Amino acid sequence: MDDIANEMAISKKTIYAHFDTKTKLVQAVTNHLFENIDQGIKDIRAKKMNPIEEIYEIKSFSMKYLKDEKTSPQYQLQKYYPKIYKSISSRQYELVQCCVIENLECGITTGHYRSDIPISFISRIHFTGMMGLKDKDLFPTEEYSNAKLMEYFVEYHIRAISTPKGLKTLQEFLNKRKNINHA
């Protein structure tokens, strides 16, 4: 609380006037962050872009919130605020499932993704993979930045479910990004 008060140039008493406990403050912050991410994803999805570009746009948006953190905020929540962690994890799972399932269905409809993919399985393995990337024992930060891990994972995911049309779209998208980054 001292660090927060110092950073905001206010007294701890002012913080406690709005939040009785640190737990309530952490709850409010995590809810606020979740709502911002949820709304940002809704805004991206409203653009109705092709499903491959949509996945990359959502990844980029999400990474802005992670800021390539070296320490996992989720680990901190799990350790010190397990009830908040459980609640936010459940909401996160629901959000990702809804988003991924709709993306898969769209991709099948547009011919970017194979029609024979088991949607429920793919959406769950996608979520599990994203969460597994946060395991610093498996993916040490000295070897893998969060941004690089997400980049590898999204490309791996898309290649696993794409049709030839989807693979062509993916390659064009990756080439376009490479050219923009080198310009």
N, C-alpha and C. Protein backbone atom coordinates (compact mmCIF):
# COMPACT_ATOMS: atom_id res chain seq x y z
N MET A 1 0.83 -1.18 0.00
CA MET A 1 0.00 0.00 0.00
C MET A 1 0.88 1.26 0.00
N ASP A 2 2.03 1.17 0.68
CA ASP A 2 2.95 2.31 0.68
C ASP A 2 3.41 2.62 -0.75
N ASP A 3 3.77 1.58 -1.50
CA ASP A 3 4.24 1.78 -2.87
C ASP A 3 3.15 2.42 -3.74
N ILE A 4 1.93 1.95 -3.59
CA ILE A 4 0.82 2.50 -4.38
C ILE A 4 0.60 3.96 -4.01
N ALA A 5 0.56 4.25 -2.73
CA ALA A 5 0.35 5.63 -2.28
C ALA A 5 1.47 6.54 -2.79
N ASN A 6 2.71 6.08 -2.71
CA ASN A 6 3.84 6.88 -3.21
C ASN A 6 3.74 7.11 -4.71
N GLU A 7 3.43 6.05 -5.44
CA GLU A 7 3.32 6.15 -6.90
C GLU A 7 2.22 7.12 -7.31
N MET A 8 1.14 7.12 -6.58
CA MET A 8 0.00 7.99 -6.92
C MET A 8 0.10 9.37 -6.25
N ALA A 9 1.10 9.55 -5.41
CA ALA A 9 1.29 10.80 -4.67
C ALA A 9 0.06 11.14 -3.82
N ILE A 10 -0.44 10.11 -3.15
CA ILE A 10 -1.56 10.29 -2.21
C ILE A 10 -1.22 9.54 -0.93
N SER A 11 -2.03 9.75 0.07
CA SER A 11 -1.78 9.05 1.34
C SER A 11 -2.45 7.68 1.32
N LYS A 12 -1.94 6.79 2.18
CA LYS A 12 -2.58 5.48 2.32
C LYS A 12 -4.01 5.66 2.83
N LYS A 13 -4.22 6.67 3.65
CA LYS A 13 -5.55 6.94 4.20
C LYS A 13 -6.56 7.20 3.06
N THR A 14 -6.11 7.89 2.02
CA THR A 14 -6.97 8.15 0.87
C THR A 14 -7.32 6.84 0.16
N ILE A 15 -6.35 5.96 0.02
CA ILE A 15 -6.63 4.66 -0.61
C ILE A 15 -7.65 3.89 0.22
N TYR A 16 -7.41 3.86 1.54
CA TYR A 16 -8.31 3.11 2.43
C TYR A 16 -9.70 3.74 2.52
N ALA A 17 -9.83 5.00 2.13
CA ALA A 17 -11.16 5.62 2.08
C ALA A 17 -12.01 4.99 0.98
N HIS A 18 -11.34 4.46 -0.04
CA HIS A 18 -12.04 3.84 -1.18
C HIS A 18 -12.04 2.32 -1.11
N PHE A 19 -11.03 1.75 -0.48
CA PHE A 19 -10.90 0.30 -0.39
C PHE A 19 -10.55 -0.07 1.04
N ASP A 20 -11.45 -0.77 1.71
CA ASP A 20 -11.25 -1.14 3.13
C ASP A 20 -10.00 -1.98 3.34
N THR A 21 -9.70 -2.84 2.37
CA THR A 21 -8.59 -3.78 2.52
C THR A 21 -7.80 -3.87 1.22
N LYS A 22 -6.59 -4.43 1.33
CA LYS A 22 -5.80 -4.67 0.12
C LYS A 22 -6.51 -5.65 -0.80
N THR A 23 -7.19 -6.61 -0.21
CA THR A 23 -7.90 -7.60 -1.01
C THR A 23 -8.96 -6.94 -1.89
N LYS A 24 -9.68 -5.99 -1.33
CA LYS A 24 -10.71 -5.28 -2.13
C LYS A 24 -10.07 -4.45 -3.23
N LEU A 25 -8.91 -3.88 -2.96
CA LEU A 25 -8.20 -3.13 -3.98
C LEU A 25 -7.74 -4.06 -5.10
N VAL A 26 -7.15 -5.19 -4.73
CA VAL A 26 -6.70 -6.16 -5.74
C VAL A 26 -7.89 -6.65 -6.56
N GLN A 27 -9.00 -6.92 -5.91
CA GLN A 27 -10.22 -7.36 -6.61
C GLN A 27 -10.66 -6.31 -7.63
N ALA A 28 -10.69 -5.06 -7.20
CA ALA A 28 -11.12 -3.97 -8.09
C ALA A 28 -10.18 -3.82 -9.29
N VAL A 29 -8.88 -3.92 -9.02
CA VAL A 29 -7.89 -3.78 -10.10
C VAL A 29 -8.01 -4.93 -11.09
N THR A 30 -8.12 -6.16 -10.59
CA THR A 30 -8.22 -7.30 -11.50
C THR A 30 -9.52 -7.25 -12.30
N ASN A 31 -10.61 -6.85 -11.66
CA ASN A 31 -11.88 -6.72 -12.39
C ASN A 31 -11.78 -5.65 -13.47
N HIS A 32 -11.17 -4.53 -13.12
CA HIS A 32 -11.02 -3.44 -14.08
C HIS A 32 -10.17 -3.89 -15.28
N LEU A 33 -9.07 -4.54 -15.01
CA LEU A 33 -8.20 -5.03 -16.07
C LEU A 33 -8.94 -6.04 -16.95
N PHE A 34 -9.65 -6.96 -16.31
CA PHE A 34 -10.40 -7.96 -17.07
C PHE A 34 -11.44 -7.30 -17.96
N GLU A 35 -12.18 -6.33 -17.43
CA GLU A 35 -13.22 -5.64 -18.22
C GLU A 35 -12.60 -4.89 -19.40
N ASN A 36 -11.44 -4.28 -19.18
CA ASN A 36 -10.77 -3.58 -20.29
C ASN A 36 -10.35 -4.55 -21.39
N ILE A 37 -9.80 -5.68 -20.99
CA ILE A 37 -9.39 -6.69 -21.98
C ILE A 37 -10.61 -7.25 -22.70
N ASP A 38 -11.65 -7.55 -21.96
CA ASP A 38 -12.89 -8.07 -22.55
C ASP A 38 -13.44 -7.09 -23.59
N GLN A 39 -13.51 -5.82 -23.22
CA GLN A 39 -14.03 -4.82 -24.16
C GLN A 39 -13.13 -4.65 -25.37
N GLY A 40 -11.83 -4.67 -25.15
CA GLY A 40 -10.90 -4.57 -26.27
C GLY A 40 -11.06 -5.71 -27.26
N ILE A 41 -11.25 -6.92 -26.73
CA ILE A 41 -11.46 -8.08 -27.60
C ILE A 41 -12.78 -7.94 -28.36
N LYS A 42 -13.82 -7.48 -27.68
CA LYS A 42 -15.11 -7.25 -28.36
C LYS A 42 -14.96 -6.24 -29.49
N ASP A 43 -14.19 -5.18 -29.24
CA ASP A 43 -13.97 -4.15 -30.27
C ASP A 43 -13.23 -4.74 -31.47
N ILE A 44 -12.23 -5.57 -31.21
CA ILE A 44 -11.49 -6.21 -32.30
C ILE A 44 -12.42 -7.13 -33.09
N ARG A 45 -13.21 -7.92 -32.40
CA ARG A 45 -14.09 -8.87 -33.07
C ARG A 45 -15.15 -8.15 -33.89
N ALA A 46 -15.53 -6.96 -33.47
CA ALA A 46 -16.55 -6.19 -34.20
C ALA A 46 -16.04 -5.71 -35.56
N LYS A 47 -14.74 -5.73 -35.76
CA LYS A 47 -14.15 -5.31 -37.04
C LYS A 47 -14.43 -6.32 -38.15
N LYS A 48 -14.79 -7.55 -37.77
CA LYS A 48 -15.13 -8.61 -38.73
C LYS A 48 -14.01 -8.87 -39.73
N MET A 49 -12.78 -8.93 -39.25
CA MET A 49 -11.66 -9.25 -40.13
C MET A 49 -11.58 -10.76 -40.33
N ASN A 50 -10.70 -11.21 -41.19
CA ASN A 50 -10.60 -12.66 -41.38
C ASN A 50 -10.09 -13.27 -40.07
N PRO A 51 -10.42 -14.54 -39.82
CA PRO A 51 -10.12 -15.14 -38.51
C PRO A 51 -8.63 -15.18 -38.14
N ILE A 52 -7.77 -15.27 -39.12
CA ILE A 52 -6.34 -15.32 -38.84
C ILE A 52 -5.84 -13.96 -38.39
N GLU A 53 -6.22 -12.93 -39.09
CA GLU A 53 -5.84 -11.57 -38.67
C GLU A 53 -6.45 -11.25 -37.30
N GLU A 54 -7.67 -11.72 -37.06
CA GLU A 54 -8.32 -11.48 -35.78
C GLU A 54 -7.51 -12.07 -34.62
N ILE A 55 -7.04 -13.30 -34.79
CA ILE A 55 -6.25 -13.92 -33.72
C ILE A 55 -5.00 -13.09 -33.43
N TYR A 56 -4.32 -12.65 -34.47
CA TYR A 56 -3.11 -11.86 -34.26
C TYR A 56 -3.42 -10.49 -33.65
N GLU A 57 -4.51 -9.91 -34.04
CA GLU A 57 -4.91 -8.61 -33.47
C GLU A 57 -5.22 -8.76 -31.97
N ILE A 58 -5.93 -9.82 -31.62
CA ILE A 58 -6.24 -10.08 -30.21
C ILE A 58 -4.96 -10.37 -29.43
N LYS A 59 -4.05 -11.14 -30.02
CA LYS A 59 -2.77 -11.42 -29.36
C LYS A 59 -2.01 -10.13 -29.10
N SER A 60 -1.91 -9.28 -30.09
CA SER A 60 -1.19 -8.01 -29.93
C SER A 60 -1.82 -7.14 -28.86
N PHE A 61 -3.15 -7.08 -28.88
CA PHE A 61 -3.87 -6.29 -27.88
C PHE A 61 -3.60 -6.84 -26.47
N SER A 62 -3.68 -8.15 -26.33
CA SER A 62 -3.46 -8.78 -25.02
C SER A 62 -2.04 -8.55 -24.53
N MET A 63 -1.08 -8.61 -25.43
CA MET A 63 0.32 -8.43 -25.06
C MET A 63 0.59 -7.02 -24.53
N LYS A 64 -0.18 -6.04 -25.00
CA LYS A 64 -0.02 -4.68 -24.47
C LYS A 64 -0.30 -4.66 -22.97
N TYR A 65 -1.26 -5.47 -22.54
CA TYR A 65 -1.60 -5.52 -21.12
C TYR A 65 -0.58 -6.33 -20.32
N LEU A 66 0.04 -7.31 -20.95
CA LEU A 66 1.04 -8.12 -20.24
C LEU A 66 2.38 -7.39 -20.14
N LYS A 67 2.66 -6.55 -21.11
CA LYS A 67 3.89 -5.75 -21.13
C LYS A 67 5.14 -6.60 -20.95
N ASP A 68 5.10 -7.83 -21.45
CA ASP A 68 6.23 -8.75 -21.39
C ASP A 68 6.78 -8.88 -19.97
N GLU A 69 5.84 -9.01 -19.02
CA GLU A 69 6.19 -9.14 -17.60
C GLU A 69 7.16 -10.29 -17.37
N LYS A 70 8.14 -10.09 -16.54
CA LYS A 70 9.07 -11.15 -16.18
C LYS A 70 8.49 -12.01 -15.06
N THR A 71 7.72 -11.39 -14.16
CA THR A 71 7.06 -12.14 -13.11
C THR A 71 5.58 -12.21 -13.45
N SER A 72 5.00 -13.32 -13.25
CA SER A 72 3.61 -13.53 -13.63
C SER A 72 2.66 -12.94 -12.60
N PRO A 73 1.84 -11.96 -13.01
CA PRO A 73 0.82 -11.44 -12.10
C PRO A 73 -0.14 -12.55 -11.66
N GLN A 74 -0.38 -13.50 -12.55
CA GLN A 74 -1.27 -14.60 -12.19
C GLN A 74 -0.67 -15.45 -11.08
N TYR A 75 0.63 -15.65 -11.12
CA TYR A 75 1.29 -16.40 -10.06
C TYR A 75 1.13 -15.66 -8.73
N GLN A 76 1.32 -14.36 -8.75
CA GLN A 76 1.17 -13.55 -7.54
C GLN A 76 -0.26 -13.65 -7.00
N LEU A 77 -1.23 -13.55 -7.90
CA LEU A 77 -2.63 -13.69 -7.48
C LEU A 77 -2.89 -15.06 -6.87
N GLN A 78 -2.40 -16.09 -7.56
CA GLN A 78 -2.62 -17.46 -7.09
C GLN A 78 -2.02 -17.67 -5.70
N LYS A 79 -0.87 -17.11 -5.46
CA LYS A 79 -0.18 -17.30 -4.20
C LYS A 79 -0.81 -16.49 -3.06
N TYR A 80 -1.10 -15.22 -3.31
CA TYR A 80 -1.53 -14.33 -2.24
C TYR A 80 -3.04 -14.08 -2.18
N TYR A 81 -3.73 -14.27 -3.29
CA TYR A 81 -5.17 -14.01 -3.35
C TYR A 81 -5.86 -15.15 -4.11
N PRO A 82 -5.85 -16.36 -3.56
CA PRO A 82 -6.36 -17.53 -4.30
C PRO A 82 -7.84 -17.42 -4.71
N LYS A 83 -8.67 -16.79 -3.90
CA LYS A 83 -10.09 -16.65 -4.27
C LYS A 83 -10.24 -15.74 -5.49
N ILE A 84 -9.49 -14.65 -5.50
CA ILE A 84 -9.54 -13.73 -6.65
C ILE A 84 -8.99 -14.44 -7.88
N TYR A 85 -7.90 -15.18 -7.69
CA TYR A 85 -7.30 -15.92 -8.80
C TYR A 85 -8.30 -16.91 -9.39
N LYS A 86 -8.97 -17.65 -8.55
CA LYS A 86 -9.94 -18.64 -9.03
C LYS A 86 -11.07 -17.97 -9.80
N SER A 87 -11.55 -16.87 -9.28
CA SER A 87 -12.64 -16.14 -9.94
C SER A 87 -12.20 -15.58 -11.29
N ILE A 88 -11.04 -14.95 -11.33
CA ILE A 88 -10.59 -14.34 -12.57
C ILE A 88 -10.20 -15.42 -13.58
N SER A 89 -9.65 -16.53 -13.11
CA SER A 89 -9.30 -17.64 -14.02
C SER A 89 -10.53 -18.22 -14.68
N SER A 90 -11.59 -18.35 -13.91
CA SER A 90 -12.84 -18.87 -14.45
C SER A 90 -13.40 -17.92 -15.52
N ARG A 91 -13.39 -16.64 -15.22
CA ARG A 91 -13.87 -15.64 -16.19
C ARG A 91 -12.98 -15.62 -17.43
N GLN A 92 -11.67 -15.75 -17.22
CA GLN A 92 -10.73 -15.76 -18.33
C GLN A 92 -11.00 -16.97 -19.24
N TYR A 93 -11.22 -18.12 -18.64
CA TYR A 93 -11.50 -19.33 -19.41
C TYR A 93 -12.76 -19.13 -20.25
N GLU A 94 -13.82 -18.61 -19.64
CA GLU A 94 -15.07 -18.38 -20.37
C GLU A 94 -14.87 -17.42 -21.54
N LEU A 95 -14.13 -16.34 -21.30
CA LEU A 95 -13.88 -15.35 -22.36
C LEU A 95 -13.10 -15.98 -23.51
N VAL A 96 -12.02 -16.68 -23.18
CA VAL A 96 -11.19 -17.29 -24.21
C VAL A 96 -11.98 -18.35 -24.97
N GLN A 97 -12.74 -19.17 -24.26
CA GLN A 97 -13.52 -20.21 -24.92
C GLN A 97 -14.50 -19.61 -25.92
N CYS A 98 -15.23 -18.62 -25.50
CA CYS A 98 -16.20 -17.98 -26.38
C CYS A 98 -15.51 -17.39 -27.61
N CYS A 99 -14.44 -16.68 -27.38
CA CYS A 99 -13.71 -16.02 -28.46
C CYS A 99 -13.11 -17.05 -29.43
N VAL A 100 -12.46 -18.06 -28.90
CA VAL A 100 -11.81 -19.06 -29.75
C VAL A 100 -12.85 -19.88 -30.51
N ILE A 101 -13.90 -20.29 -29.86
CA ILE A 101 -14.95 -21.07 -30.54
C ILE A 101 -15.55 -20.27 -31.69
N GLU A 102 -15.86 -19.01 -31.44
CA GLU A 102 -16.43 -18.17 -32.52
C GLU A 102 -15.41 -17.97 -33.64
N ASN A 103 -14.14 -17.82 -33.30
CA ASN A 103 -13.10 -17.68 -34.31
C ASN A 103 -12.98 -18.95 -35.14
N LEU A 104 -13.02 -20.10 -34.47
CA LEU A 104 -12.94 -21.38 -35.19
C LEU A 104 -14.14 -21.56 -36.12
N GLU A 105 -15.32 -21.26 -35.63
CA GLU A 105 -16.53 -21.39 -36.46
C GLU A 105 -16.47 -20.46 -37.67
N CYS A 106 -16.00 -19.23 -37.45
CA CYS A 106 -15.85 -18.28 -38.55
C CYS A 106 -14.82 -18.80 -39.55
N GLY A 107 -13.70 -19.28 -39.04
CA GLY A 107 -12.64 -19.79 -39.92
C GLY A 107 -13.09 -20.98 -40.76
N ILE A 108 -13.92 -21.82 -40.19
CA ILE A 108 -14.48 -22.95 -40.95
C ILE A 108 -15.41 -22.42 -42.03
N THR A 109 -16.26 -21.48 -41.65
CA THR A 109 -17.23 -20.91 -42.60
C THR A 109 -16.53 -20.21 -43.77
N THR A 110 -15.45 -19.49 -43.49
CA THR A 110 -14.74 -18.75 -44.54
C THR A 110 -13.76 -19.61 -45.31
N GLY A 111 -13.55 -20.85 -44.85
CA GLY A 111 -12.64 -21.75 -45.54
C GLY A 111 -11.18 -21.59 -45.12
N HIS A 112 -10.91 -20.82 -44.07
CA HIS A 112 -9.54 -20.66 -43.59
C HIS A 112 -9.11 -21.84 -42.72
N TYR A 113 -10.08 -22.44 -42.02
CA TYR A 113 -9.79 -23.57 -41.13
C TYR A 113 -10.47 -24.82 -41.67
N ARG A 114 -9.87 -25.95 -41.37
CA ARG A 114 -10.41 -27.24 -41.81
C ARG A 114 -11.80 -27.46 -41.19
N SER A 115 -12.67 -28.05 -41.94
CA SER A 115 -14.04 -28.29 -41.46
C SER A 115 -14.13 -29.49 -40.52
N ASP A 116 -13.07 -30.30 -40.46
CA ASP A 116 -13.12 -31.51 -39.65
C ASP A 116 -12.48 -31.34 -38.27
N ILE A 117 -12.15 -30.13 -37.88
CA ILE A 117 -11.51 -29.93 -36.57
C ILE A 117 -12.54 -30.07 -35.46
N PRO A 118 -12.16 -30.72 -34.36
CA PRO A 118 -13.07 -30.84 -33.21
C PRO A 118 -13.03 -29.51 -32.41
N ILE A 119 -14.01 -28.68 -32.63
CA ILE A 119 -14.00 -27.31 -32.10
C ILE A 119 -13.81 -27.27 -30.59
N SER A 120 -14.56 -28.06 -29.85
CA SER A 120 -14.46 -28.03 -28.39
C SER A 120 -13.05 -28.42 -27.93
N PHE A 121 -12.49 -29.45 -28.53
CA PHE A 121 -11.14 -29.88 -28.18
C PHE A 121 -10.11 -28.80 -28.51
N ILE A 122 -10.19 -28.25 -29.72
CA ILE A 122 -9.23 -27.24 -30.17
C ILE A 122 -9.30 -26.01 -29.27
N SER A 123 -10.50 -25.59 -28.90
CA SER A 123 -10.63 -24.40 -28.05
C SER A 123 -10.01 -24.65 -26.67
N ARG A 124 -10.20 -25.85 -26.16
CA ARG A 124 -9.63 -26.18 -24.85
C ARG A 124 -8.11 -26.35 -24.91
N ILE A 125 -7.61 -26.95 -25.96
CA ILE A 125 -6.16 -27.13 -26.08
C ILE A 125 -5.50 -25.77 -26.31
N HIS A 126 -6.21 -24.88 -26.99
CA HIS A 126 -5.70 -23.52 -27.19
C HIS A 126 -5.54 -22.82 -25.84
N PHE A 127 -6.56 -22.90 -25.00
CA PHE A 127 -6.51 -22.29 -23.68
C PHE A 127 -5.40 -22.92 -22.84
N THR A 128 -5.34 -24.24 -22.84
CA THR A 128 -4.31 -24.94 -22.07
C THR A 128 -2.91 -24.54 -22.54
N GLY A 129 -2.73 -24.43 -23.83
CA GLY A 129 -1.44 -24.01 -24.37
C GLY A 129 -1.07 -22.60 -23.94
N MET A 130 -2.03 -21.69 -24.00
CA MET A 130 -1.76 -20.31 -23.57
C MET A 130 -1.37 -20.26 -22.10
N MET A 131 -2.05 -21.02 -21.28
CA MET A 131 -1.73 -21.02 -19.85
C MET A 131 -0.39 -21.71 -19.59
N GLY A 132 -0.10 -22.75 -20.37
CA GLY A 132 1.17 -23.46 -20.22
C GLY A 132 2.37 -22.60 -20.55
N LEU A 133 2.18 -21.62 -21.43
CA LEU A 133 3.28 -20.73 -21.80
C LEU A 133 3.78 -19.92 -20.61
N LYS A 134 2.95 -19.79 -19.59
CA LYS A 134 3.32 -19.00 -18.41
C LYS A 134 4.19 -19.78 -17.42
N ASP A 135 4.39 -21.06 -17.70
CA ASP A 135 5.22 -21.89 -16.82
C ASP A 135 6.69 -21.57 -17.07
N LYS A 136 7.28 -20.84 -16.16
CA LYS A 136 8.66 -20.37 -16.34
C LYS A 136 9.69 -21.49 -16.18
N ASP A 137 9.27 -22.64 -15.63
CA ASP A 137 10.18 -23.79 -15.61
C ASP A 137 10.29 -24.40 -17.00
N LEU A 138 9.18 -24.44 -17.72
CA LEU A 138 9.18 -24.97 -19.09
C LEU A 138 9.76 -23.96 -20.08
N PHE A 139 9.43 -22.69 -19.87
CA PHE A 139 9.84 -21.64 -20.79
C PHE A 139 10.54 -20.52 -20.02
N PRO A 140 11.81 -20.74 -19.67
CA PRO A 140 12.54 -19.74 -18.88
C PRO A 140 12.64 -18.40 -19.61
N THR A 141 12.47 -17.33 -18.84
CA THR A 141 12.50 -15.99 -19.43
C THR A 141 13.84 -15.66 -20.08
N GLU A 142 14.90 -16.35 -19.66
CA GLU A 142 16.20 -16.11 -20.28
C GLU A 142 16.22 -16.57 -21.74
N GLU A 143 15.38 -17.55 -22.05
CA GLU A 143 15.32 -18.08 -23.41
C GLU A 143 14.14 -17.55 -24.22
N TYR A 144 13.03 -17.27 -23.53
CA TYR A 144 11.79 -16.91 -24.23
C TYR A 144 11.12 -15.69 -23.59
N SER A 145 10.92 -14.66 -24.37
CA SER A 145 10.11 -13.55 -23.90
C SER A 145 8.64 -13.95 -24.06
N ASN A 146 7.77 -13.32 -23.30
CA ASN A 146 6.33 -13.59 -23.44
C ASN A 146 5.87 -13.32 -24.87
N ALA A 147 6.38 -12.25 -25.44
CA ALA A 147 5.98 -11.89 -26.81
C ALA A 147 6.37 -12.99 -27.80
N LYS A 148 7.59 -13.50 -27.67
CA LYS A 148 8.06 -14.54 -28.59
C LYS A 148 7.27 -15.84 -28.40
N LEU A 149 7.00 -16.19 -27.13
CA LEU A 149 6.21 -17.39 -26.86
C LEU A 149 4.82 -17.29 -27.50
N MET A 150 4.18 -16.16 -27.33
CA MET A 150 2.84 -15.99 -27.91
C MET A 150 2.90 -16.04 -29.44
N GLU A 151 3.93 -15.45 -30.00
CA GLU A 151 4.10 -15.46 -31.45
C GLU A 151 4.24 -16.91 -31.96
N TYR A 152 5.11 -17.67 -31.32
CA TYR A 152 5.28 -19.07 -31.70
C TYR A 152 3.98 -19.85 -31.54
N PHE A 153 3.31 -19.64 -30.42
CA PHE A 153 2.10 -20.41 -30.13
C PHE A 153 0.98 -20.11 -31.13
N VAL A 154 0.75 -18.84 -31.41
CA VAL A 154 -0.34 -18.49 -32.33
C VAL A 154 -0.07 -19.06 -33.72
N GLU A 155 1.17 -18.94 -34.20
CA GLU A 155 1.48 -19.49 -35.52
C GLU A 155 1.32 -21.01 -35.52
N TYR A 156 1.79 -21.66 -34.48
CA TYR A 156 1.65 -23.11 -34.34
C TYR A 156 0.16 -23.50 -34.38
N HIS A 157 -0.66 -22.80 -33.62
CA HIS A 157 -2.10 -23.06 -33.55
C HIS A 157 -2.74 -22.92 -34.94
N ILE A 158 -2.45 -21.83 -35.60
CA ILE A 158 -3.08 -21.58 -36.91
C ILE A 158 -2.63 -22.62 -37.93
N ARG A 159 -1.37 -22.94 -37.94
CA ARG A 159 -0.88 -23.94 -38.91
C ARG A 159 -1.54 -25.31 -38.67
N ALA A 160 -1.85 -25.62 -37.43
CA ALA A 160 -2.44 -26.92 -37.11
C ALA A 160 -3.88 -27.06 -37.60
N ILE A 161 -4.59 -25.96 -37.75
CA ILE A 161 -6.02 -26.04 -38.08
C ILE A 161 -6.37 -25.48 -39.45
N SER A 162 -5.40 -24.94 -40.16
CA SER A 162 -5.67 -24.23 -41.41
C SER A 162 -5.83 -25.13 -42.63
N THR A 163 -6.62 -24.64 -43.54
CA THR A 163 -6.72 -25.21 -44.89
C THR A 163 -5.60 -24.59 -45.72
N PRO A 164 -5.42 -25.03 -46.96
CA PRO A 164 -4.45 -24.35 -47.83
C PRO A 164 -4.74 -22.84 -47.95
N LYS A 165 -6.02 -22.48 -48.01
CA LYS A 165 -6.40 -21.05 -48.06
C LYS A 165 -5.93 -20.34 -46.78
N GLY A 166 -6.13 -20.97 -45.65
CA GLY A 166 -5.71 -20.39 -44.38
C GLY A 166 -4.20 -20.24 -44.29
N LEU A 167 -3.48 -21.25 -44.76
CA LEU A 167 -2.02 -21.19 -44.75
C LEU A 167 -1.51 -20.07 -45.66
N LYS A 168 -2.17 -19.90 -46.80
CA LYS A 168 -1.80 -18.81 -47.71
C LYS A 168 -2.06 -17.46 -47.05
N THR A 169 -3.20 -17.32 -46.40
CA THR A 169 -3.54 -16.08 -45.69
C THR A 169 -2.53 -15.82 -44.57
N LEU A 170 -2.19 -16.86 -43.83
CA LEU A 170 -1.21 -16.73 -42.75
C LEU A 170 0.13 -16.26 -43.31
N GLN A 171 0.61 -16.90 -44.36
CA GLN A 171 1.91 -16.53 -44.92
C GLN A 171 1.90 -15.10 -45.44
N GLU A 172 0.83 -14.69 -46.11
CA GLU A 172 0.72 -13.30 -46.59
C GLU A 172 0.74 -12.33 -45.41
N PHE A 173 0.02 -12.67 -44.36
CA PHE A 173 -0.04 -11.82 -43.17
C PHE A 173 1.35 -11.71 -42.53
N LEU A 174 2.03 -12.84 -42.37
CA LEU A 174 3.37 -12.83 -41.76
C LEU A 174 4.36 -12.06 -42.63
N ASN A 175 4.28 -12.21 -43.95
CA ASN A 175 5.17 -11.47 -44.85
C ASN A 175 4.91 -9.97 -44.76
N LYS A 176 3.65 -9.59 -44.71
CA LYS A 176 3.28 -8.18 -44.60
C LYS A 176 3.82 -7.59 -43.30
N ARG A 177 3.69 -8.32 -42.21
CA ARG A 177 4.21 -7.85 -40.92
C ARG A 177 5.72 -7.73 -40.94
N LYS A 178 6.37 -8.72 -41.56
CA LYS A 178 7.84 -8.68 -41.65
C LYS A 178 8.29 -7.46 -42.43
N ASN A 179 7.61 -7.16 -43.53
CA ASN A 179 7.97 -6.00 -44.35
C ASN A 179 7.73 -4.70 -43.59
N ILE A 180 6.67 -4.63 -42.81
CA ILE A 180 6.40 -3.43 -42.01
C ILE A 180 7.47 -3.25 -40.95
N ASN A 181 7.86 -4.33 -40.31
CA ASN A 181 8.87 -4.26 -39.24
C ASN A 181 10.26 -3.91 -39.78
N HIS A 182 10.52 -4.24 -41.04
CA HIS A 182 11.83 -3.95 -41.62
C HIS A 182 11.88 -2.59 -42.31
N ALA A 183 10.72 -1.97 -42.46
CA ALA A 183 10.67 -0.66 -43.16
C ALA A 183 11.09 0.47 -42.26
